[in-house]
N, C-alpha and C. Protein backbone atom coordinates (compact mmCIF):
# COMPACT_ATOMS: atom_id res chain seq x y z
N MET A 1 0.76 -1.20 0.08
CA MET A 1 -0.05 0.02 -0.05
C MET A 1 0.80 1.28 -0.03
N GLN A 2 1.93 1.24 0.71
CA GLN A 2 2.88 2.37 0.84
C GLN A 2 3.51 2.53 -0.56
N TYR A 3 3.90 1.43 -1.24
CA TYR A 3 4.50 1.55 -2.54
C TYR A 3 3.59 2.22 -3.48
N ARG A 4 2.36 1.76 -3.54
CA ARG A 4 1.34 2.23 -4.44
C ARG A 4 0.97 3.80 -4.03
N ASP A 5 1.14 4.03 -2.87
CA ASP A 5 0.87 5.57 -2.48
C ASP A 5 1.91 6.46 -3.07
N TYR A 6 3.24 6.00 -3.22
CA TYR A 6 4.18 6.69 -3.95
C TYR A 6 3.76 7.05 -5.28
N LYS A 7 3.18 6.05 -6.06
CA LYS A 7 2.81 6.20 -7.33
C LYS A 7 1.57 7.17 -7.44
N ASN A 8 0.73 6.97 -6.48
CA ASN A 8 -0.53 7.74 -6.40
C ASN A 8 -0.04 9.18 -6.18
N ALA A 9 0.86 9.42 -5.41
CA ALA A 9 1.35 10.87 -5.22
C ALA A 9 1.92 11.36 -6.33
N ILE A 10 2.65 10.68 -7.19
CA ILE A 10 3.17 11.15 -8.37
C ILE A 10 1.95 11.55 -9.32
N SER A 11 1.01 10.59 -9.45
CA SER A 11 -0.09 10.91 -10.32
C SER A 11 -0.73 12.28 -9.97
N TYR A 12 -0.86 12.57 -8.61
CA TYR A 12 -1.45 13.80 -8.24
C TYR A 12 -0.43 14.97 -8.56
N ALA A 13 0.88 14.72 -8.20
CA ALA A 13 1.88 15.90 -8.36
C ALA A 13 1.82 16.47 -9.86
N VAL A 14 1.87 15.47 -10.68
CA VAL A 14 1.98 15.85 -12.14
C VAL A 14 0.78 16.60 -12.84
N THR A 15 -0.43 16.50 -11.90
CA THR A 15 -1.44 17.38 -12.41
C THR A 15 -1.28 18.89 -12.02
N ARG A 16 -0.43 19.07 -11.00
CA ARG A 16 -0.25 20.48 -10.53
C ARG A 16 0.40 21.38 -11.49
N PRO A 17 -0.04 22.63 -11.76
CA PRO A 17 0.53 23.43 -12.77
C PRO A 17 2.06 23.80 -12.37
N GLU A 18 2.37 23.87 -11.16
CA GLU A 18 3.78 24.20 -10.80
C GLU A 18 4.69 23.02 -10.87
N VAL A 19 4.20 21.79 -11.38
CA VAL A 19 5.11 20.73 -11.38
C VAL A 19 5.44 20.27 -12.77
N ASP A 20 6.66 20.19 -13.13
CA ASP A 20 7.18 19.72 -14.45
C ASP A 20 7.10 18.15 -14.42
N PRO A 21 6.19 17.54 -15.13
CA PRO A 21 6.05 16.03 -15.19
C PRO A 21 7.22 15.33 -15.62
N ASP A 22 8.23 16.06 -16.28
CA ASP A 22 9.49 15.54 -16.71
C ASP A 22 10.63 15.75 -15.74
N ARG A 23 10.30 16.11 -14.55
CA ARG A 23 11.25 16.41 -13.53
C ARG A 23 10.78 15.90 -12.23
N VAL A 24 10.39 14.64 -12.30
CA VAL A 24 9.91 13.94 -11.11
C VAL A 24 10.99 13.17 -10.37
N GLY A 25 11.35 13.44 -9.18
CA GLY A 25 12.40 12.73 -8.49
C GLY A 25 11.78 12.18 -7.14
N ILE A 26 12.34 11.00 -6.75
CA ILE A 26 11.69 10.38 -5.51
C ILE A 26 12.74 10.18 -4.51
N TRP A 27 12.55 10.28 -3.31
CA TRP A 27 13.45 10.14 -2.18
C TRP A 27 12.88 9.31 -1.06
N GLY A 28 13.72 8.28 -0.58
CA GLY A 28 13.09 7.47 0.54
C GLY A 28 14.25 7.13 1.43
N SER A 29 13.94 6.90 2.70
CA SER A 29 14.90 6.57 3.76
C SER A 29 14.45 5.31 4.56
N SER A 30 15.31 4.43 4.80
CA SER A 30 14.84 3.27 5.65
C SER A 30 14.06 2.37 4.86
N PHE A 31 12.85 2.05 5.51
CA PHE A 31 11.81 1.21 4.84
C PHE A 31 11.41 1.87 3.53
N SER A 32 11.13 3.14 3.52
CA SER A 32 10.85 3.82 2.26
C SER A 32 11.97 3.87 1.34
N GLY A 33 13.20 3.77 1.88
CA GLY A 33 14.38 3.52 0.91
C GLY A 33 14.22 2.37 -0.04
N GLY A 34 13.61 1.32 0.34
CA GLY A 34 13.19 0.20 -0.26
C GLY A 34 12.06 0.42 -1.27
N HIS A 35 11.14 1.27 -0.79
CA HIS A 35 9.90 1.67 -1.66
C HIS A 35 10.35 2.38 -2.92
N VAL A 36 11.28 3.28 -2.68
CA VAL A 36 11.65 4.17 -3.89
C VAL A 36 12.39 3.22 -4.93
N LEU A 37 13.12 2.25 -4.50
CA LEU A 37 13.65 1.28 -5.51
C LEU A 37 12.68 0.70 -6.39
N THR A 38 11.59 0.19 -5.64
CA THR A 38 10.57 -0.67 -6.28
C THR A 38 9.73 0.31 -7.25
N VAL A 39 9.46 1.53 -6.76
CA VAL A 39 8.72 2.60 -7.65
C VAL A 39 9.56 2.84 -8.86
N ALA A 40 10.84 3.17 -8.64
CA ALA A 40 11.64 3.59 -9.70
C ALA A 40 11.75 2.57 -10.82
N ALA A 41 11.76 1.37 -10.30
CA ALA A 41 11.87 0.29 -11.22
C ALA A 41 10.62 -0.09 -12.17
N ASN A 42 9.52 0.52 -11.54
CA ASN A 42 8.24 0.18 -12.19
C ASN A 42 7.47 1.39 -12.78
N ASP A 43 7.98 2.54 -12.58
CA ASP A 43 7.33 3.76 -12.97
C ASP A 43 8.33 4.63 -13.70
N ARG A 44 8.21 4.79 -15.02
CA ARG A 44 9.14 5.58 -15.77
C ARG A 44 8.90 7.17 -15.70
N ARG A 45 7.78 7.58 -15.02
CA ARG A 45 7.75 8.86 -14.67
C ARG A 45 8.70 9.54 -13.75
N VAL A 46 9.47 8.47 -12.93
CA VAL A 46 10.43 8.97 -12.19
C VAL A 46 11.76 9.18 -12.93
N LYS A 47 12.45 10.36 -12.80
CA LYS A 47 13.63 10.65 -13.54
C LYS A 47 14.87 10.61 -12.69
N ALA A 48 14.72 10.48 -11.45
CA ALA A 48 15.97 10.36 -10.51
C ALA A 48 15.36 9.85 -9.25
N VAL A 49 16.28 9.08 -8.51
CA VAL A 49 15.94 8.49 -7.32
C VAL A 49 16.99 8.46 -6.32
N VAL A 50 16.77 8.70 -5.09
CA VAL A 50 17.73 8.62 -4.07
C VAL A 50 17.10 7.60 -3.02
N SER A 51 17.93 6.56 -2.56
CA SER A 51 17.58 5.70 -1.60
C SER A 51 18.51 5.68 -0.52
N GLN A 52 18.10 6.08 0.71
CA GLN A 52 18.95 6.36 1.79
C GLN A 52 18.71 5.13 2.93
N VAL A 53 19.88 4.78 3.28
CA VAL A 53 19.91 3.65 4.40
C VAL A 53 18.75 2.65 4.12
N PRO A 54 18.75 2.09 2.88
CA PRO A 54 17.45 1.41 2.57
C PRO A 54 17.26 0.03 3.04
N PHE A 55 16.05 -0.36 3.42
CA PHE A 55 15.68 -1.65 3.68
C PHE A 55 15.60 -2.35 2.21
N VAL A 56 16.32 -3.26 1.85
CA VAL A 56 16.35 -3.86 0.54
C VAL A 56 15.78 -5.29 0.45
N SER A 57 15.74 -5.97 1.57
CA SER A 57 15.14 -7.37 1.51
C SER A 57 14.52 -7.87 2.88
N GLY A 58 13.30 -8.17 2.72
CA GLY A 58 12.62 -8.70 3.90
C GLY A 58 13.17 -9.95 4.22
N PRO A 59 13.19 -10.98 3.36
CA PRO A 59 13.62 -12.44 3.78
C PRO A 59 15.07 -12.22 4.36
N LEU A 60 15.88 -11.55 3.76
CA LEU A 60 17.31 -11.55 4.34
C LEU A 60 17.46 -10.67 5.55
N SER A 61 16.66 -9.63 5.79
CA SER A 61 16.75 -8.79 6.87
C SER A 61 16.18 -9.64 8.07
N LEU A 62 15.04 -10.38 7.88
CA LEU A 62 14.45 -11.09 9.05
C LEU A 62 15.40 -12.29 9.34
N ALA A 63 16.11 -12.90 8.40
CA ALA A 63 17.03 -14.01 8.64
C ALA A 63 18.21 -13.44 9.61
N ARG A 64 18.54 -12.13 9.55
CA ARG A 64 19.47 -11.56 10.40
C ARG A 64 19.01 -11.10 11.71
N THR A 65 17.71 -10.72 11.72
CA THR A 65 17.09 -10.00 13.01
C THR A 65 16.45 -11.15 13.76
N VAL A 66 16.01 -12.07 13.32
CA VAL A 66 15.39 -13.12 14.04
C VAL A 66 16.31 -14.14 14.57
N ARG A 67 16.54 -14.32 15.83
CA ARG A 67 17.49 -15.30 16.32
C ARG A 67 17.02 -16.69 15.92
N PRO A 68 17.87 -17.65 15.55
CA PRO A 68 17.42 -18.98 15.14
C PRO A 68 16.38 -19.72 16.05
N ASP A 69 16.65 -19.46 17.31
CA ASP A 69 15.71 -20.10 18.31
C ASP A 69 14.45 -19.44 18.47
N PHE A 70 14.23 -18.19 17.69
CA PHE A 70 13.05 -17.53 17.87
C PHE A 70 12.18 -17.74 16.57
N ALA A 71 12.86 -18.55 15.57
CA ALA A 71 12.20 -18.58 14.19
C ALA A 71 10.88 -19.35 14.22
N ALA A 72 11.01 -20.58 15.00
CA ALA A 72 9.88 -21.38 14.95
C ALA A 72 8.72 -20.78 15.86
N PRO A 73 9.04 -20.09 16.93
CA PRO A 73 7.94 -19.47 17.79
C PRO A 73 7.37 -18.27 16.92
N LEU A 74 8.15 -17.68 16.21
CA LEU A 74 7.59 -16.63 15.45
C LEU A 74 6.62 -17.15 14.21
N ARG A 75 6.89 -18.21 13.70
CA ARG A 75 6.01 -18.85 12.65
C ARG A 75 4.81 -19.25 13.34
N GLU A 76 4.78 -19.80 14.49
CA GLU A 76 3.74 -20.15 15.35
C GLU A 76 2.82 -18.99 15.67
N GLN A 77 3.45 -17.84 15.94
CA GLN A 77 2.71 -16.76 16.28
C GLN A 77 1.98 -15.91 15.07
N LEU A 78 2.61 -16.14 13.93
CA LEU A 78 2.11 -15.72 12.70
C LEU A 78 0.83 -16.49 12.31
N GLN A 79 0.88 -17.77 12.47
CA GLN A 79 -0.15 -18.60 12.34
C GLN A 79 -1.31 -18.40 13.19
N ALA A 80 -0.99 -18.24 14.48
CA ALA A 80 -2.02 -18.02 15.54
C ALA A 80 -2.73 -16.68 15.40
N ASP A 81 -2.05 -15.71 14.75
CA ASP A 81 -2.38 -14.41 14.48
C ASP A 81 -3.51 -14.40 13.41
N ARG A 82 -3.23 -15.25 12.38
CA ARG A 82 -4.07 -15.42 11.17
C ARG A 82 -5.39 -15.89 11.65
N SER A 83 -5.27 -17.05 12.56
CA SER A 83 -6.43 -17.70 13.07
C SER A 83 -7.31 -16.79 13.86
N HIS A 84 -6.62 -16.20 14.69
CA HIS A 84 -7.22 -15.22 15.61
C HIS A 84 -8.05 -14.11 14.99
N ARG A 85 -7.46 -13.47 13.89
CA ARG A 85 -8.07 -12.36 13.09
C ARG A 85 -9.19 -12.98 12.32
N PHE A 86 -9.02 -14.22 11.80
CA PHE A 86 -10.07 -14.82 10.91
C PHE A 86 -11.28 -15.04 11.86
N ALA A 87 -11.14 -15.19 13.15
CA ALA A 87 -12.34 -15.35 13.91
C ALA A 87 -12.91 -14.19 14.54
N GLY A 88 -12.28 -12.96 13.91
CA GLY A 88 -12.85 -11.65 14.36
C GLY A 88 -12.03 -11.04 15.37
N GLY A 89 -10.82 -11.58 15.89
CA GLY A 89 -10.15 -10.86 16.88
C GLY A 89 -9.31 -9.77 16.36
N GLU A 90 -8.84 -8.89 17.41
CA GLU A 90 -7.87 -7.72 16.99
C GLU A 90 -6.60 -8.26 16.71
N PRO A 91 -5.91 -7.58 15.81
CA PRO A 91 -4.47 -8.08 15.38
C PRO A 91 -3.57 -8.12 16.54
N THR A 92 -2.78 -9.08 16.55
CA THR A 92 -1.69 -9.28 17.76
C THR A 92 -0.59 -8.30 17.45
N VAL A 93 -0.10 -7.62 18.41
CA VAL A 93 1.00 -6.72 18.41
C VAL A 93 2.17 -7.17 19.11
N ILE A 94 3.37 -6.65 18.68
CA ILE A 94 4.59 -6.90 19.53
C ILE A 94 5.36 -5.57 19.57
N PRO A 95 6.32 -5.52 20.43
CA PRO A 95 7.05 -4.16 20.51
C PRO A 95 7.86 -3.90 19.22
N VAL A 96 8.12 -2.57 18.89
CA VAL A 96 8.99 -2.16 17.94
C VAL A 96 10.37 -2.38 18.38
N VAL A 97 10.74 -1.74 19.55
CA VAL A 97 11.97 -1.82 20.09
C VAL A 97 11.88 -2.24 21.63
N SER A 98 13.07 -2.72 22.14
CA SER A 98 13.07 -3.07 23.54
C SER A 98 14.39 -2.77 24.09
N ASP A 99 14.56 -2.41 25.38
CA ASP A 99 15.82 -2.32 25.96
C ASP A 99 16.38 -3.66 26.47
N ASN A 100 15.68 -4.60 26.34
CA ASN A 100 16.16 -6.05 26.58
C ASN A 100 16.73 -6.61 25.25
N PRO A 101 17.99 -6.79 25.11
CA PRO A 101 18.58 -7.33 23.71
C PRO A 101 18.01 -8.82 23.44
N PHE A 102 17.50 -9.43 24.58
CA PHE A 102 16.95 -10.79 24.27
C PHE A 102 15.46 -10.80 24.36
N GLY A 103 14.87 -9.68 24.45
CA GLY A 103 13.38 -9.50 24.33
C GLY A 103 12.74 -9.52 23.05
N GLU A 104 11.62 -9.70 22.94
CA GLU A 104 10.91 -9.73 21.77
C GLU A 104 10.64 -8.32 21.25
N ALA A 105 11.09 -8.10 19.90
CA ALA A 105 10.93 -6.71 19.42
C ALA A 105 11.07 -6.85 17.70
N VAL A 106 10.60 -5.95 17.04
CA VAL A 106 10.62 -5.98 15.67
C VAL A 106 12.16 -5.49 15.26
N MET A 107 12.60 -4.54 16.00
CA MET A 107 13.95 -4.05 15.88
C MET A 107 14.73 -4.25 17.20
N PRO A 108 15.45 -5.38 17.36
CA PRO A 108 16.05 -5.61 18.79
C PRO A 108 17.29 -4.96 18.87
N MET A 109 17.79 -4.25 17.79
CA MET A 109 19.15 -3.62 17.89
C MET A 109 19.26 -2.40 18.87
N ALA A 110 20.34 -2.29 19.64
CA ALA A 110 20.59 -1.21 20.51
C ALA A 110 20.42 0.23 19.97
N GLU A 111 20.77 0.32 18.59
CA GLU A 111 20.82 1.58 18.02
C GLU A 111 19.24 2.04 17.76
N ALA A 112 18.49 1.12 17.50
CA ALA A 112 17.01 1.43 17.18
C ALA A 112 16.39 1.71 18.56
N ASN A 113 16.66 1.07 19.55
CA ASN A 113 15.94 1.35 20.84
C ASN A 113 16.46 2.70 21.40
N ALA A 114 17.74 2.97 21.14
CA ALA A 114 18.18 4.41 21.56
C ALA A 114 17.51 5.51 20.89
N TYR A 115 17.39 5.31 19.52
CA TYR A 115 16.88 6.34 18.69
C TYR A 115 15.34 6.55 19.08
N TYR A 116 14.56 5.38 19.19
CA TYR A 116 13.16 5.62 19.40
C TYR A 116 12.92 6.08 20.78
N THR A 117 13.70 5.61 21.73
CA THR A 117 13.46 6.20 23.12
C THR A 117 13.69 7.64 23.25
N ALA A 118 14.70 8.09 22.57
CA ALA A 118 15.06 9.53 22.44
C ALA A 118 14.12 10.52 21.71
N ASN A 119 13.62 9.94 20.46
CA ASN A 119 13.00 10.73 19.55
C ASN A 119 11.45 10.48 19.36
N ALA A 120 11.13 9.07 19.61
CA ALA A 120 9.68 8.85 19.19
C ALA A 120 8.76 8.92 20.42
N SER A 121 9.29 8.49 21.68
CA SER A 121 8.59 8.28 22.88
C SER A 121 7.80 9.66 23.35
N PRO A 122 8.49 10.83 22.99
CA PRO A 122 7.60 12.13 23.45
C PRO A 122 6.45 12.28 22.59
N GLU A 123 6.28 11.73 21.47
CA GLU A 123 5.30 12.05 20.56
C GLU A 123 3.95 11.43 21.16
N PRO A 124 2.89 12.20 21.23
CA PRO A 124 1.67 11.69 21.82
C PRO A 124 1.05 10.48 21.07
N SER A 125 1.15 10.38 19.81
CA SER A 125 0.77 9.35 19.03
C SER A 125 1.48 8.07 18.96
N TRP A 126 2.78 8.11 19.32
CA TRP A 126 3.55 7.07 19.38
C TRP A 126 3.33 5.93 20.37
N ARG A 127 3.05 4.67 19.82
CA ARG A 127 3.01 3.50 20.57
C ARG A 127 4.09 2.63 20.30
N ASN A 128 4.79 1.90 21.08
CA ASN A 128 5.86 1.05 20.80
C ASN A 128 5.22 -0.45 20.44
N GLU A 129 4.64 -0.54 19.27
CA GLU A 129 3.99 -1.68 18.86
C GLU A 129 3.88 -1.74 17.44
N LEU A 130 3.89 -2.95 16.97
CA LEU A 130 3.67 -3.24 15.44
C LEU A 130 2.82 -4.45 15.30
N THR A 131 1.94 -4.56 14.43
CA THR A 131 1.12 -5.80 14.26
C THR A 131 2.04 -6.95 13.82
N VAL A 132 1.76 -8.02 14.27
CA VAL A 132 2.48 -9.36 13.87
C VAL A 132 2.27 -9.47 12.25
N ARG A 133 1.15 -9.09 11.87
CA ARG A 133 0.82 -9.25 10.45
C ARG A 133 1.76 -8.45 9.60
N SER A 134 2.17 -7.32 10.17
CA SER A 134 3.32 -6.49 9.37
C SER A 134 4.51 -7.15 9.27
N ILE A 135 4.88 -8.04 10.24
CA ILE A 135 6.06 -8.89 10.18
C ILE A 135 6.02 -9.84 8.99
N GLU A 136 4.91 -10.40 8.68
CA GLU A 136 4.63 -11.31 7.75
C GLU A 136 4.74 -10.54 6.55
N LEU A 137 4.21 -9.52 6.30
CA LEU A 137 4.23 -8.71 5.07
C LEU A 137 5.60 -8.13 4.79
N ILE A 138 6.49 -7.73 5.84
CA ILE A 138 7.73 -7.37 5.62
C ILE A 138 8.66 -8.60 5.08
N GLY A 139 8.47 -9.76 5.62
CA GLY A 139 9.10 -10.88 5.13
C GLY A 139 8.86 -11.20 3.76
N GLU A 140 7.77 -10.82 3.13
CA GLU A 140 7.57 -11.19 1.88
C GLU A 140 7.98 -10.08 0.75
N TYR A 141 8.43 -8.93 1.38
CA TYR A 141 8.91 -7.69 0.52
C TYR A 141 10.34 -7.73 0.29
N ASP A 142 10.63 -7.66 -1.04
CA ASP A 142 12.07 -7.77 -1.34
C ASP A 142 12.40 -6.74 -2.49
N PRO A 143 12.68 -5.38 -2.11
CA PRO A 143 12.96 -4.36 -3.01
C PRO A 143 14.09 -4.77 -3.94
N SER A 144 15.16 -5.50 -3.40
CA SER A 144 16.24 -5.75 -4.14
C SER A 144 16.02 -6.58 -5.43
N SER A 145 14.96 -7.31 -5.48
CA SER A 145 14.64 -8.01 -6.60
C SER A 145 14.20 -7.07 -7.74
N HIS A 146 13.89 -5.86 -7.46
CA HIS A 146 13.70 -4.87 -8.65
C HIS A 146 14.84 -3.92 -8.99
N ILE A 147 15.88 -3.97 -8.33
CA ILE A 147 16.86 -2.93 -8.41
C ILE A 147 17.50 -2.95 -9.68
N SER A 148 17.65 -4.05 -10.35
CA SER A 148 18.41 -4.06 -11.63
C SER A 148 17.60 -3.41 -12.78
N ARG A 149 16.24 -3.16 -12.41
CA ARG A 149 15.41 -2.55 -13.40
C ARG A 149 15.19 -1.11 -13.21
N VAL A 150 15.89 -0.50 -12.05
CA VAL A 150 15.79 0.93 -11.93
C VAL A 150 16.33 1.73 -13.16
N SER A 151 17.47 1.23 -13.69
CA SER A 151 18.07 1.82 -14.89
C SER A 151 17.11 1.84 -16.08
N PRO A 152 17.04 2.85 -16.81
CA PRO A 152 18.10 3.99 -16.89
C PRO A 152 17.75 5.09 -15.95
N THR A 153 16.92 5.14 -15.07
CA THR A 153 16.87 6.29 -14.14
C THR A 153 17.99 6.24 -13.21
N PRO A 154 18.55 7.55 -13.11
CA PRO A 154 19.70 7.60 -12.24
C PRO A 154 19.47 7.31 -10.87
N LEU A 155 20.32 6.55 -10.08
CA LEU A 155 20.17 6.05 -8.81
C LEU A 155 21.23 6.54 -7.97
N LEU A 156 20.94 7.23 -6.78
CA LEU A 156 22.00 7.35 -5.74
C LEU A 156 21.60 6.66 -4.59
N MET A 157 22.49 5.70 -4.07
CA MET A 157 22.23 5.08 -2.86
C MET A 157 23.14 5.48 -1.73
N ILE A 158 22.50 5.91 -0.48
CA ILE A 158 23.30 6.31 0.63
C ILE A 158 23.28 5.17 1.69
N VAL A 159 24.48 4.72 2.04
CA VAL A 159 24.59 3.65 2.93
C VAL A 159 25.46 4.10 4.18
N ALA A 160 24.95 3.78 5.33
CA ALA A 160 25.55 4.07 6.57
C ALA A 160 26.58 2.86 6.79
N ARG A 161 27.85 2.94 6.94
CA ARG A 161 28.82 1.95 7.06
C ARG A 161 28.51 0.86 8.07
N TYR A 162 28.03 1.51 9.28
CA TYR A 162 27.91 0.50 10.43
C TYR A 162 26.35 0.32 10.72
N ASP A 163 25.58 0.34 9.73
CA ASP A 163 24.12 0.08 9.79
C ASP A 163 23.84 -1.33 10.13
N VAL A 164 23.16 -1.59 11.23
CA VAL A 164 22.72 -2.93 11.51
C VAL A 164 21.28 -3.12 11.53
N THR A 165 20.51 -1.99 11.55
CA THR A 165 18.97 -2.13 11.38
C THR A 165 18.54 -2.41 10.02
N ALA A 166 19.06 -1.65 8.98
CA ALA A 166 18.99 -2.09 7.63
C ALA A 166 20.20 -2.49 7.15
N PRO A 167 20.65 -3.77 7.33
CA PRO A 167 22.09 -4.10 7.20
C PRO A 167 22.85 -3.50 6.00
N ALA A 168 24.12 -2.89 6.43
CA ALA A 168 24.79 -2.30 5.26
C ALA A 168 25.32 -3.25 4.18
N GLU A 169 25.64 -4.55 4.70
CA GLU A 169 26.06 -5.43 3.62
C GLU A 169 25.00 -5.94 2.73
N LEU A 170 23.73 -5.83 3.07
CA LEU A 170 22.63 -6.10 2.24
C LEU A 170 22.63 -4.98 1.14
N ALA A 171 22.68 -3.66 1.61
CA ALA A 171 22.60 -2.56 0.77
C ALA A 171 23.78 -2.57 -0.32
N PHE A 172 24.96 -2.91 0.11
CA PHE A 172 26.10 -3.02 -0.71
C PHE A 172 25.71 -4.00 -1.71
N ALA A 173 25.31 -5.20 -1.31
CA ALA A 173 25.07 -6.29 -2.28
C ALA A 173 23.85 -5.93 -3.39
N ALA A 174 22.95 -5.19 -2.88
CA ALA A 174 21.82 -4.71 -3.77
C ALA A 174 22.41 -3.82 -4.82
N TYR A 175 23.32 -2.83 -4.25
CA TYR A 175 23.92 -1.82 -5.12
C TYR A 175 24.68 -2.44 -6.27
N GLU A 176 25.27 -3.50 -6.02
CA GLU A 176 26.07 -4.15 -7.04
C GLU A 176 25.18 -4.67 -8.19
N GLN A 177 23.96 -5.07 -7.82
CA GLN A 177 23.00 -5.47 -8.79
C GLN A 177 22.36 -4.40 -9.64
N ALA A 178 22.46 -3.22 -9.13
CA ALA A 178 21.91 -2.03 -9.91
C ALA A 178 22.89 -1.71 -11.07
N ARG A 179 22.26 -1.23 -12.13
CA ARG A 179 22.94 -0.93 -13.45
C ARG A 179 23.11 0.54 -13.51
N GLU A 180 24.04 0.95 -14.46
CA GLU A 180 24.38 2.37 -14.53
C GLU A 180 23.16 3.17 -15.21
N PRO A 181 23.00 4.37 -14.91
CA PRO A 181 23.79 5.27 -14.02
C PRO A 181 23.49 5.10 -12.64
N LYS A 182 24.48 5.00 -11.85
CA LYS A 182 24.26 4.87 -10.45
C LYS A 182 25.46 5.55 -9.65
N GLY A 183 25.26 5.86 -8.43
CA GLY A 183 26.32 6.32 -7.47
C GLY A 183 25.96 5.98 -6.14
N ILE A 184 27.09 5.84 -5.22
CA ILE A 184 26.88 5.60 -3.95
C ILE A 184 27.59 6.38 -3.09
N LEU A 185 27.02 6.85 -1.92
CA LEU A 185 27.70 7.57 -0.78
C LEU A 185 27.67 6.64 0.38
N VAL A 186 28.84 6.45 0.87
CA VAL A 186 28.93 5.69 2.13
C VAL A 186 29.38 6.55 3.20
N THR A 187 28.63 6.73 4.29
CA THR A 187 28.86 7.55 5.31
C THR A 187 29.04 6.76 6.58
N ASP A 188 29.93 7.30 7.56
CA ASP A 188 30.27 6.65 8.70
C ASP A 188 28.99 6.67 9.64
N GLY A 189 29.01 5.82 10.69
CA GLY A 189 27.82 5.80 11.58
C GLY A 189 26.68 4.69 11.31
N GLY A 190 25.75 4.66 12.26
CA GLY A 190 24.70 3.57 12.06
C GLY A 190 23.57 4.20 11.27
N HIS A 191 22.51 3.47 11.33
CA HIS A 191 21.30 3.64 10.68
C HIS A 191 20.62 5.01 10.79
N PHE A 192 20.65 5.39 12.10
CA PHE A 192 19.96 6.60 12.56
C PHE A 192 20.74 7.87 12.48
N SER A 193 22.07 7.57 12.22
CA SER A 193 23.13 8.89 12.23
C SER A 193 22.74 9.79 11.20
N VAL A 194 22.07 9.32 10.08
CA VAL A 194 21.89 10.20 8.84
C VAL A 194 20.73 11.16 9.11
N TYR A 195 20.17 11.14 10.30
CA TYR A 195 18.94 12.00 10.54
C TYR A 195 19.28 13.36 11.28
N ASP A 196 20.40 13.56 11.70
CA ASP A 196 20.86 14.76 12.46
C ASP A 196 22.27 14.94 12.34
N GLY A 197 22.79 16.24 12.62
CA GLY A 197 24.15 16.56 12.83
C GLY A 197 24.78 16.48 11.39
N PRO A 198 26.18 16.28 11.34
CA PRO A 198 26.98 16.56 10.26
C PRO A 198 26.56 15.45 9.20
N ARG A 199 26.27 14.29 9.53
CA ARG A 199 25.82 13.18 8.51
C ARG A 199 24.57 13.59 7.94
N PHE A 200 23.70 14.17 8.55
CA PHE A 200 22.44 14.75 7.95
C PHE A 200 22.76 15.73 6.76
N GLU A 201 23.76 16.62 7.13
CA GLU A 201 24.13 17.75 6.08
C GLU A 201 24.76 16.99 4.98
N GLN A 202 25.59 16.07 5.13
CA GLN A 202 26.30 15.39 4.18
C GLN A 202 25.43 14.61 3.19
N CYS A 203 24.43 13.99 3.80
CA CYS A 203 23.42 13.07 3.05
C CYS A 203 22.38 13.76 2.38
N SER A 204 21.94 14.91 3.04
CA SER A 204 20.92 15.72 2.27
C SER A 204 21.55 16.59 1.19
N THR A 205 22.66 16.95 1.33
CA THR A 205 23.39 17.83 0.35
C THR A 205 23.66 16.84 -1.00
N ALA A 206 24.13 15.59 -0.83
CA ALA A 206 24.29 14.72 -1.69
C ALA A 206 23.01 14.34 -2.48
N ALA A 207 21.95 14.18 -1.84
CA ALA A 207 20.57 13.98 -2.32
C ALA A 207 20.23 15.19 -3.25
N ARG A 208 20.33 16.45 -2.55
CA ARG A 208 19.93 17.62 -3.30
C ARG A 208 20.61 17.72 -4.71
N ASP A 209 22.04 17.53 -4.65
CA ASP A 209 22.89 17.52 -5.81
C ASP A 209 22.49 16.54 -6.92
N HIS A 210 22.09 15.28 -6.42
CA HIS A 210 21.69 14.28 -7.34
C HIS A 210 20.44 14.77 -8.08
N PHE A 211 19.46 15.24 -7.43
CA PHE A 211 18.30 15.80 -8.07
C PHE A 211 18.63 17.02 -9.05
N ARG A 212 19.30 17.89 -8.63
CA ARG A 212 19.73 18.94 -9.47
C ARG A 212 20.42 18.69 -10.68
N ILE A 213 21.30 17.64 -10.56
CA ILE A 213 21.97 17.20 -11.93
C ILE A 213 21.10 16.39 -12.84
N HIS A 214 20.38 15.57 -12.29
CA HIS A 214 19.58 14.61 -13.11
C HIS A 214 18.17 15.08 -13.49
N LEU A 215 17.79 16.15 -12.75
CA LEU A 215 16.51 16.70 -13.06
C LEU A 215 16.68 18.04 -13.85
N GLY A 216 17.98 18.36 -14.06
CA GLY A 216 18.26 19.63 -14.88
C GLY A 216 17.93 20.96 -14.16
N ILE A 217 18.08 20.78 -12.88
CA ILE A 217 17.76 22.17 -12.13
C ILE A 217 19.04 22.91 -11.69
N GLY A 218 19.09 24.17 -11.99
CA GLY A 218 20.34 24.86 -11.75
C GLY A 218 20.55 25.32 -10.37
């Protein structure tokens, strides 16, 4: 649904008199960094794309996130949730992050817990929970399978060298599958380091310049 909403947003934007339909660029970060790869591969209205610290593979990410001894219980939880919802029950939820490295969480990494504790918890609408159904859908979502078809749309990928939330090694492997024209910016730090401070300036400047060059903006 989020992937399709990117395309819906483009459909609306190009109807606006102030928008040049031949200069449409899309940007995404983290999970939406995967969305923009999928959109750019399938929608030629997109003329430039920036994918920052991208989530590139549900199956491979879950294989790294879910401890082997948790895999079977997770499958049982997914099946139980399906039966529960089919019978009219509310969706089962689990925490997004946890301060217990061995606790159940969608993102059990310390960097994720630190970021959400500092930035998300003050928001009145924030709840530290995600539906189990979302985990199932994430596991079926594989933007890397589309990345070779982004070309000829110019791609910039921004990767945080020490990212463990959207594992950097998966992003590097996906980038190798992409065809020219493409470019990569590797920044130090972890997944959330790109959202403030000097790395935010570095990454946002690179994204801006990519769009200026490839959308013909002076």
